Amino acid sequence: MAPARTRTLRRGLTTGRVVAGIVLVLIAALYVGPLQKELRLRSELASGRTTVAALDKRHEQLMALEAALHTRSEIIRVARGCGWIFPGEKAFVVKGLVTASCR
């Protein structure tokens, strides 16, 4: 008996494979731009959400301060911090203390 012949398949770069490779590379290249834009937008969105959260917290603080300013004791405290005095009081200047900002 003669030895069995095995067929060897020739697998080179055929035209079809080259075209398929080019098409895949083209499709991948078309996805790169939108994908980069999507990632950039997600990053900006996360940053914006962080900013909004910080602004919301600041808004709550300012609303609490505004509500407190409707009380006489808080108005007097802020006025005293600015250096204001009631009529008839004597003002004394004390040097060397840290000054509070007056708004």
C-alpha atoms as a PDB file:
ATOM      1  CA  MET A   1       0.000   0.000   0.000  1.00  0.00           C
ATOM      2  CA  ALA A   2       1.017   3.460  -0.755  1.00  0.00           C
ATOM      3  CA  PRO A   3       1.238   5.986   2.039  1.00  0.00           C
ATOM      4  CA  ALA A   4      -1.826   8.195   2.361  1.00  0.00           C
ATOM      5  CA  ARG A   5      -1.414  11.526   0.783  1.00  0.00           C
ATOM      6  CA  THR A   6      -2.388  14.464   2.876  1.00  0.00           C
ATOM      7  CA  ARG A   7      -3.559  17.591   1.232  1.00  0.00           C
ATOM      8  CA  THR A   8      -1.895  20.705   2.451  1.00  0.00           C
ATOM      9  CA  LEU A   9      -4.019  23.764   2.311  1.00  0.00           C
ATOM     10  CA  ARG A  10      -2.351  26.848   1.108  1.00  0.00           C
ATOM     11  CA  ARG A  11      -3.233  29.659   3.487  1.00  0.00           C
ATOM     12  CA  GLY A  12      -1.671  32.835   2.274  1.00  0.00           C
ATOM     13  CA  LEU A  13      -2.921  36.356   2.051  1.00  0.00           C
ATOM     14  CA  THR A  14      -5.669  36.145  -0.470  1.00  0.00           C
ATOM     15  CA  THR A  15      -7.403  39.166  -1.885  1.00  0.00           C
ATOM     16  CA  GLY A  16     -10.521  38.452   0.149  1.00  0.00           C
ATOM     17  CA  ARG A  17      -8.594  38.365   3.397  1.00  0.00           C
ATOM     18  CA  VAL A  18      -6.757  41.574   2.606  1.00  0.00           C
ATOM     19  CA  VAL A  19     -10.042  43.323   1.803  1.00  0.00           C
ATOM     20  CA  ALA A  20     -11.631  41.948   4.997  1.00  0.00           C
ATOM     21  CA  GLY A  21      -8.656  43.172   7.020  1.00  0.00           C
ATOM     22  CA  ILE A  22      -8.856  46.618   5.446  1.00  0.00           C
ATOM     23  CA  VAL A  23     -12.592  46.775   6.154  1.00  0.00           C
ATOM     24  CA  LEU A  24     -12.028  45.807   9.813  1.00  0.00           C
ATOM     25  CA  VAL A  25      -9.290  48.414  10.198  1.00  0.00           C
ATOM     26  CA  LEU A  26     -11.545  51.037   8.582  1.00  0.00           C
ATOM     27  CA  ILE A  27     -14.454  50.175  10.900  1.00  0.00           C
ATOM     28  CA  ALA A  28     -12.144  50.323  13.942  1.00  0.00           C
ATOM     29  CA  ALA A  29     -10.775  53.688  12.783  1.00  0.00           C
ATOM     30  CA  LEU A  30     -14.305  55.047  12.416  1.00  0.00           C
ATOM     31  CA  TYR A  31     -15.096  54.054  16.022  1.00  0.00           C
ATOM     32  CA  VAL A  32     -11.996  55.717  17.532  1.00  0.00           C
ATOM     33  CA  GLY A  33     -13.214  59.332  17.196  1.00  0.00           C
ATOM     34  CA  PRO A  34     -16.694  58.811  18.651  1.00  0.00           C
ATOM     35  CA  LEU A  35     -15.287  56.573  21.385  1.00  0.00           C
ATOM     36  CA  GLN A  36     -12.778  59.245  22.421  1.00  0.00           C
ATOM     37  CA  LYS A  37     -15.561  61.841  22.401  1.00  0.00           C
ATOM     38  CA  GLU A  38     -17.759  59.584  24.552  1.00  0.00           C
ATOM     39  CA  LEU A  39     -14.973  59.077  27.105  1.00  0.00           C
ATOM     40  CA  ARG A  40     -14.234  62.811  27.205  1.00  0.00           C
ATOM     41  CA  LEU A  41     -17.933  63.616  27.696  1.00  0.00           C
ATOM     42  CA  ARG A  42     -18.212  61.094  30.526  1.00  0.00           C
ATOM     43  CA  SER A  43     -15.227  62.694  32.225  1.00  0.00           C
ATOM     44  CA  GLU A  44     -16.718  66.170  31.814  1.00  0.00           C
ATOM     45  CA  LEU A  45     -20.060  64.905  33.109  1.00  0.00           C
ATOM     46  CA  ALA A  46     -18.438  63.450  36.230  1.00  0.00           C
ATOM     47  CA  SER A  47     -16.585  66.715  36.791  1.00  0.00           C
ATOM     48  CA  GLY A  48     -19.800  68.681  36.310  1.00  0.00           C
ATOM     49  CA  ARG A  49     -21.648  66.472  38.778  1.00  0.00           C
ATOM     50  CA  THR A  50     -18.911  67.042  41.347  1.00  0.00           C
ATOM     51  CA  THR A  51     -19.180  70.798  40.813  1.00  0.00           C
ATOM     52  CA  VAL A  52     -22.972  70.697  41.127  1.00  0.00           C
ATOM     53  CA  ALA A  53     -22.723  68.715  44.368  1.00  0.00           C
ATOM     54  CA  ALA A  54     -20.277  71.256  45.813  1.00  0.00           C
ATOM     55  CA  LEU A  55     -22.506  74.148  44.731  1.00  0.00           C
ATOM     56  CA  ASP A  56     -25.567  72.455  46.243  1.00  0.00           C
ATOM     57  CA  LYS A  57     -23.737  72.104  49.553  1.00  0.00           C
ATOM     58  CA  ARG A  58     -22.660  75.760  49.437  1.00  0.00           C
ATOM     59  CA  HIS A  59     -26.235  76.774  48.592  1.00  0.00           C
ATOM     60  CA  GLU A  60     -27.534  74.938  51.659  1.00  0.00           C
ATOM     61  CA  GLN A  61     -24.919  76.688  53.819  1.00  0.00           C
ATOM     62  CA  LEU A  62     -25.885  80.079  52.428  1.00  0.00           C
ATOM     63  CA  MET A  63     -29.588  79.382  52.918  1.00  0.00           C
ATOM     64  CA  ALA A  64     -28.928  78.450  56.552  1.00  0.00           C
ATOM     65  CA  LEU A  65     -26.899  81.643  57.001  1.00  0.00           C
ATOM     66  CA  GLU A  66     -29.656  83.685  55.374  1.00  0.00           C
ATOM     67  CA  ALA A  67     -32.242  82.125  57.666  1.00  0.00           C
ATOM     68  CA  ALA A  68     -30.063  82.853  60.695  1.00  0.00           C
ATOM     69  CA  LEU A  69     -29.707  86.493  59.665  1.00  0.00           C
ATOM     70  CA  HIS A  70     -33.404  86.987  60.317  1.00  0.00           C
ATOM     71  CA  THR A  71     -32.780  86.711  64.051  1.00  0.00           C
ATOM     72  CA  ARG A  72     -31.768  89.731  66.096  1.00  0.00           C
ATOM     73  CA  SER A  73     -28.920  87.928  67.850  1.00  0.00           C
ATOM     74  CA  GLU A  74     -27.280  86.913  64.561  1.00  0.00           C
ATOM     75  CA  ILE A  75     -27.623  90.445  63.139  1.00  0.00           C
ATOM     76  CA  ILE A  76     -25.922  91.843  66.250  1.00  0.00           C
ATOM     77  CA  ARG A  77     -23.164  89.192  66.072  1.00  0.00           C
ATOM     78  CA  VAL A  78     -22.395  90.022  62.434  1.00  0.00           C
ATOM     79  CA  ALA A  79     -22.511  93.758  63.123  1.00  0.00           C
ATOM     80  CA  ARG A  80     -20.149  93.375  66.093  1.00  0.00           C
ATOM     81  CA  GLY A  81     -17.810  91.354  63.883  1.00  0.00           C
ATOM     82  CA  CYS A  82     -17.749  94.294  61.464  1.00  0.00           C
ATOM     83  CA  GLY A  83     -16.922  96.687  64.283  1.00  0.00           C
ATOM     84  CA  TRP A  84     -20.298  98.382  64.552  1.00  0.00           C
ATOM     85  CA  ILE A  85     -21.531  99.620  67.906  1.00  0.00           C
ATOM     86  CA  PHE A  86     -24.851 100.770  69.304  1.00  0.00           C
ATOM     87  CA  PRO A  87     -25.407 104.489  69.835  1.00  0.00           C
ATOM     88  CA  GLY A  88     -24.006 105.572  73.175  1.00  0.00           C
ATOM     89  CA  GLU A  89     -21.395 102.801  73.379  1.00  0.00           C
ATOM     90  CA  LYS A  90     -17.670 103.554  73.402  1.00  0.00           C
ATOM     91  CA  ALA A  91     -15.452 101.850  70.847  1.00  0.00           C
ATOM     92  CA  PHE A  92     -12.028 100.552  71.876  1.00  0.00           C
ATOM     93  CA  VAL A  93      -9.353  99.457  69.410  1.00  0.00           C
ATOM     94  CA  VAL A  94      -7.419  96.374  70.397  1.00  0.00           C
ATOM     95  CA  LYS A  95      -4.322  95.786  68.284  1.00  0.00           C
ATOM     96  CA  GLY A  96      -2.738  92.449  67.510  1.00  0.00           C
ATOM     97  CA  LEU A  97      -5.927  90.439  67.120  1.00  0.00           C
ATOM     98  CA  VAL A  98      -6.887  88.563  63.994  1.00  0.00           C
ATOM     99  CA  THR A  99      -9.544  90.543  62.172  1.00  0.00           C
ATOM    100  CA  ALA A 100     -12.711  88.959  60.847  1.00  0.00           C
ATOM    101  CA  SER A 101     -13.794  89.874  57.363  1.00  0.00           C
ATOM    102  CA  CYS A 102     -16.865  92.037  57.130  1.00  0.00           C
ATOM    103  CA  ARG A 103     -19.268  91.307  54.288  1.00  0.00           C
END
